[in-house]
Amino acid sequence: MDRDFDRIVNSYADMLLRICMHYTNNISDAEDVVQAAFLKLVEKNIVFESADHEKAWLIRVCINLCKDSLKSSWKKKVYSVHDREFKDQPYEIADESPLLSYIRTLPPKHKTAIYLFYYEDMPVSRIASAMGANQNTVLSWLRRGRKALEKMIKEEV
């Protein structure tokens, strides 16, 4: 399991961290969520059908943990003086375009679907599996997200 776990961490840690940063907008919280997801993997000792199943499971767990983190009463009552802009984080996303800042303002489901589709090159079927949704629902989130982004861009011009 050690060698396999090392492979999984090396393969997915950066991607999961980027996804979690989109949800939490905080590197510390994102790192905590990714670590918790890997702990769940070790605790459950799951045998995956394929690499795609493995990736989808990890993404789903991270998304759920991010949602739980954002809903916690601690988050609602505490303001962190360490919160900084996304671009100041050590694990920044390579794309420095204004589009990414617009994507961050979308509702979580739209933001995640767009991020996974365009930045992680995941097909709709895998996004649906990772997000626990129907493929048509994911297509709807993508369409609505694109429409909202188009509106934001037109308002800026």
Protein backbone atom coordinates (compact mmCIF):
# COMPACT_ATOMS: atom_id res chain seq x y z
CA MET A 1 0.00 0.00 0.00
CA ASP A 2 2.89 2.39 0.73
CA ARG A 3 4.13 2.45 -2.84
CA ASP A 4 0.62 2.72 -4.21
CA PHE A 5 -0.24 5.51 -1.75
CA ASP A 6 2.91 7.42 -2.76
CA ARG A 7 1.88 7.11 -6.40
CA ILE A 8 -1.62 8.39 -5.64
CA VAL A 9 -0.31 11.37 -3.66
CA ASN A 10 2.24 12.23 -6.34
CA SER A 11 -0.37 11.91 -9.09
CA TYR A 12 -3.24 13.87 -7.57
CA ALA A 13 -2.07 16.14 -4.73
CA ASP A 14 -1.46 19.25 -6.85
CA MET A 15 -4.71 18.90 -8.79
CA LEU A 16 -6.72 18.34 -5.60
CA LEU A 17 -5.05 21.32 -3.95
CA ARG A 18 -5.99 23.58 -6.88
CA ILE A 19 -9.59 22.35 -6.77
CA CYS A 20 -9.80 22.91 -3.02
CA MET A 21 -8.29 26.38 -3.35
CA HIS A 22 -11.11 27.26 -5.72
CA TYR A 23 -13.59 26.31 -3.02
CA THR A 24 -11.85 27.68 0.06
CA ASN A 25 -9.78 30.58 -1.34
CA ASN A 26 -7.26 29.80 1.37
CA ILE A 27 -4.13 27.70 1.06
CA SER A 28 -4.21 26.45 4.66
CA ASP A 29 -7.79 25.25 4.42
CA ALA A 30 -7.14 23.69 1.02
CA GLU A 31 -4.11 21.80 2.34
CA ASP A 32 -6.13 20.57 5.33
CA VAL A 33 -8.88 19.30 3.06
CA VAL A 34 -6.48 17.47 0.75
CA GLN A 35 -4.77 15.88 3.74
CA ALA A 36 -8.13 14.80 5.14
CA ALA A 37 -9.05 13.27 1.78
CA PHE A 38 -5.85 11.23 1.72
CA LEU A 39 -6.50 10.12 5.31
CA LYS A 40 -9.95 8.91 4.26
CA LEU A 41 -8.31 6.96 1.46
CA VAL A 42 -5.95 5.24 3.91
CA GLU A 43 -8.72 4.56 6.45
CA LYS A 44 -11.12 3.07 3.92
CA ASN A 45 -8.47 1.10 1.99
CA ILE A 46 -10.56 1.24 -1.18
CA VAL A 47 -9.77 -0.84 -4.24
CA PHE A 48 -10.47 1.23 -7.35
CA GLU A 49 -11.73 -0.11 -10.66
CA SER A 50 -9.49 2.21 -12.67
CA ALA A 51 -7.38 5.34 -12.49
CA ASP A 52 -10.45 7.36 -13.52
CA HIS A 53 -12.44 5.90 -10.63
CA GLU A 54 -9.58 6.71 -8.26
CA LYS A 55 -9.38 10.31 -9.51
CA ALA A 56 -13.16 10.82 -9.40
CA TRP A 57 -13.36 9.43 -5.85
CA LEU A 58 -10.63 11.76 -4.59
CA ILE A 59 -12.21 14.79 -6.27
CA ARG A 60 -15.63 13.92 -4.84
CA VAL A 61 -14.21 13.51 -1.32
CA CYS A 62 -12.33 16.82 -1.58
CA ILE A 63 -15.41 18.68 -2.81
CA ASN A 64 -17.50 17.25 0.03
CA LEU A 65 -14.84 18.12 2.59
CA CYS A 66 -14.58 21.66 1.20
CA LYS A 67 -18.34 22.10 1.50
CA ASP A 68 -18.25 20.80 5.06
CA SER A 69 -15.39 23.14 5.89
CA LEU A 70 -17.22 26.17 4.51
CA LYS A 71 -20.39 25.26 6.43
CA SER A 72 -18.64 24.90 9.78
CA SER A 73 -19.65 27.33 12.50
CA TRP A 74 -15.98 28.19 13.00
CA LYS A 75 -15.77 29.59 9.46
CA LYS A 76 -18.90 31.65 9.97
CA LYS A 77 -17.62 33.30 13.15
CA VAL A 78 -13.91 33.74 12.53
CA TYR A 79 -12.06 36.05 10.17
CA SER A 80 -8.54 35.00 9.38
CA VAL A 81 -5.91 37.72 9.16
CA HIS A 82 -3.91 35.33 6.99
CA ASP A 83 -6.40 35.24 4.11
CA ARG A 84 -4.72 36.59 1.02
CA GLU A 85 -5.40 36.94 -2.63
CA PHE A 86 -5.24 33.72 -4.64
CA LYS A 87 -2.33 35.00 -6.71
CA ASP A 88 -0.12 35.25 -3.61
CA GLN A 89 -0.41 31.55 -2.86
CA PRO A 90 2.57 29.25 -3.43
CA TYR A 91 0.40 26.82 -5.43
CA GLU A 92 -0.93 29.35 -7.85
CA ILE A 93 -2.60 28.30 -11.05
CA ALA A 94 -0.47 29.03 -14.09
CA ASP A 95 -3.20 31.00 -15.86
CA GLU A 96 -2.91 34.65 -14.79
CA SER A 97 -5.76 35.81 -17.02
CA PRO A 98 -8.64 37.89 -15.64
CA LEU A 99 -10.90 35.02 -16.68
CA LEU A 100 -9.78 32.98 -13.69
CA SER A 101 -10.80 35.76 -11.30
CA TYR A 102 -14.25 35.76 -12.94
CA ILE A 103 -14.47 31.99 -12.61
CA ARG A 104 -13.76 32.29 -8.87
CA THR A 105 -16.87 34.46 -8.45
CA LEU A 106 -19.24 31.85 -9.90
CA PRO A 107 -21.45 29.68 -7.68
CA PRO A 108 -19.50 26.63 -6.42
CA LYS A 109 -21.10 24.05 -8.72
CA HIS A 110 -20.60 26.18 -11.84
CA LYS A 111 -17.07 27.12 -10.78
CA THR A 112 -16.07 23.52 -10.14
CA ALA A 113 -17.58 22.18 -13.35
CA ILE A 114 -15.87 24.87 -15.45
CA TYR A 115 -12.57 24.41 -13.67
CA LEU A 116 -12.55 20.63 -14.08
CA PHE A 117 -13.67 20.83 -17.71
CA TYR A 118 -11.30 23.54 -18.93
CA TYR A 119 -8.33 23.46 -16.56
CA GLU A 120 -8.14 19.74 -15.74
CA ASP A 121 -9.43 18.52 -19.14
CA MET A 122 -11.96 16.16 -17.57
CA PRO A 123 -14.81 14.87 -19.73
CA VAL A 124 -18.37 15.63 -18.63
CA SER A 125 -18.95 12.01 -17.62
CA ARG A 126 -16.02 12.10 -15.18
CA ILE A 127 -17.06 15.51 -13.82
CA ALA A 128 -20.54 14.14 -13.21
CA SER A 129 -19.09 11.15 -11.39
CA ALA A 130 -16.74 13.32 -9.32
CA MET A 131 -19.45 15.82 -8.39
CA GLY A 132 -22.12 13.21 -7.77
CA ALA A 133 -24.42 14.62 -10.42
CA ASN A 134 -26.13 13.64 -13.66
CA GLN A 135 -24.24 14.40 -16.89
CA ASN A 136 -27.05 16.67 -18.08
CA THR A 137 -26.85 18.59 -14.82
CA VAL A 138 -23.12 19.13 -15.34
CA LEU A 139 -23.79 20.31 -18.90
CA SER A 140 -26.33 22.74 -17.46
CA TRP A 141 -23.80 24.04 -14.91
CA LEU A 142 -21.25 24.50 -17.68
CA ARG A 143 -23.76 26.37 -19.84
CA ARG A 144 -24.88 28.62 -16.98
CA GLY A 145 -21.30 29.26 -15.94
CA ARG A 146 -20.29 30.21 -19.47
CA LYS A 147 -23.31 32.49 -19.74
CA ALA A 148 -22.42 34.22 -16.45
CA LEU A 149 -18.79 34.60 -17.55
CA GLU A 150 -19.89 36.05 -20.87
CA LYS A 151 -22.06 38.58 -19.04
CA MET A 152 -19.20 39.58 -16.71
CA ILE A 153 -16.82 40.06 -19.62
CA LYS A 154 -19.33 42.13 -21.61
CA GLU A 155 -19.98 44.35 -18.56
CA GLU A 156 -16.28 45.03 -18.23
CA VAL A 157 -15.90 46.10 -21.86
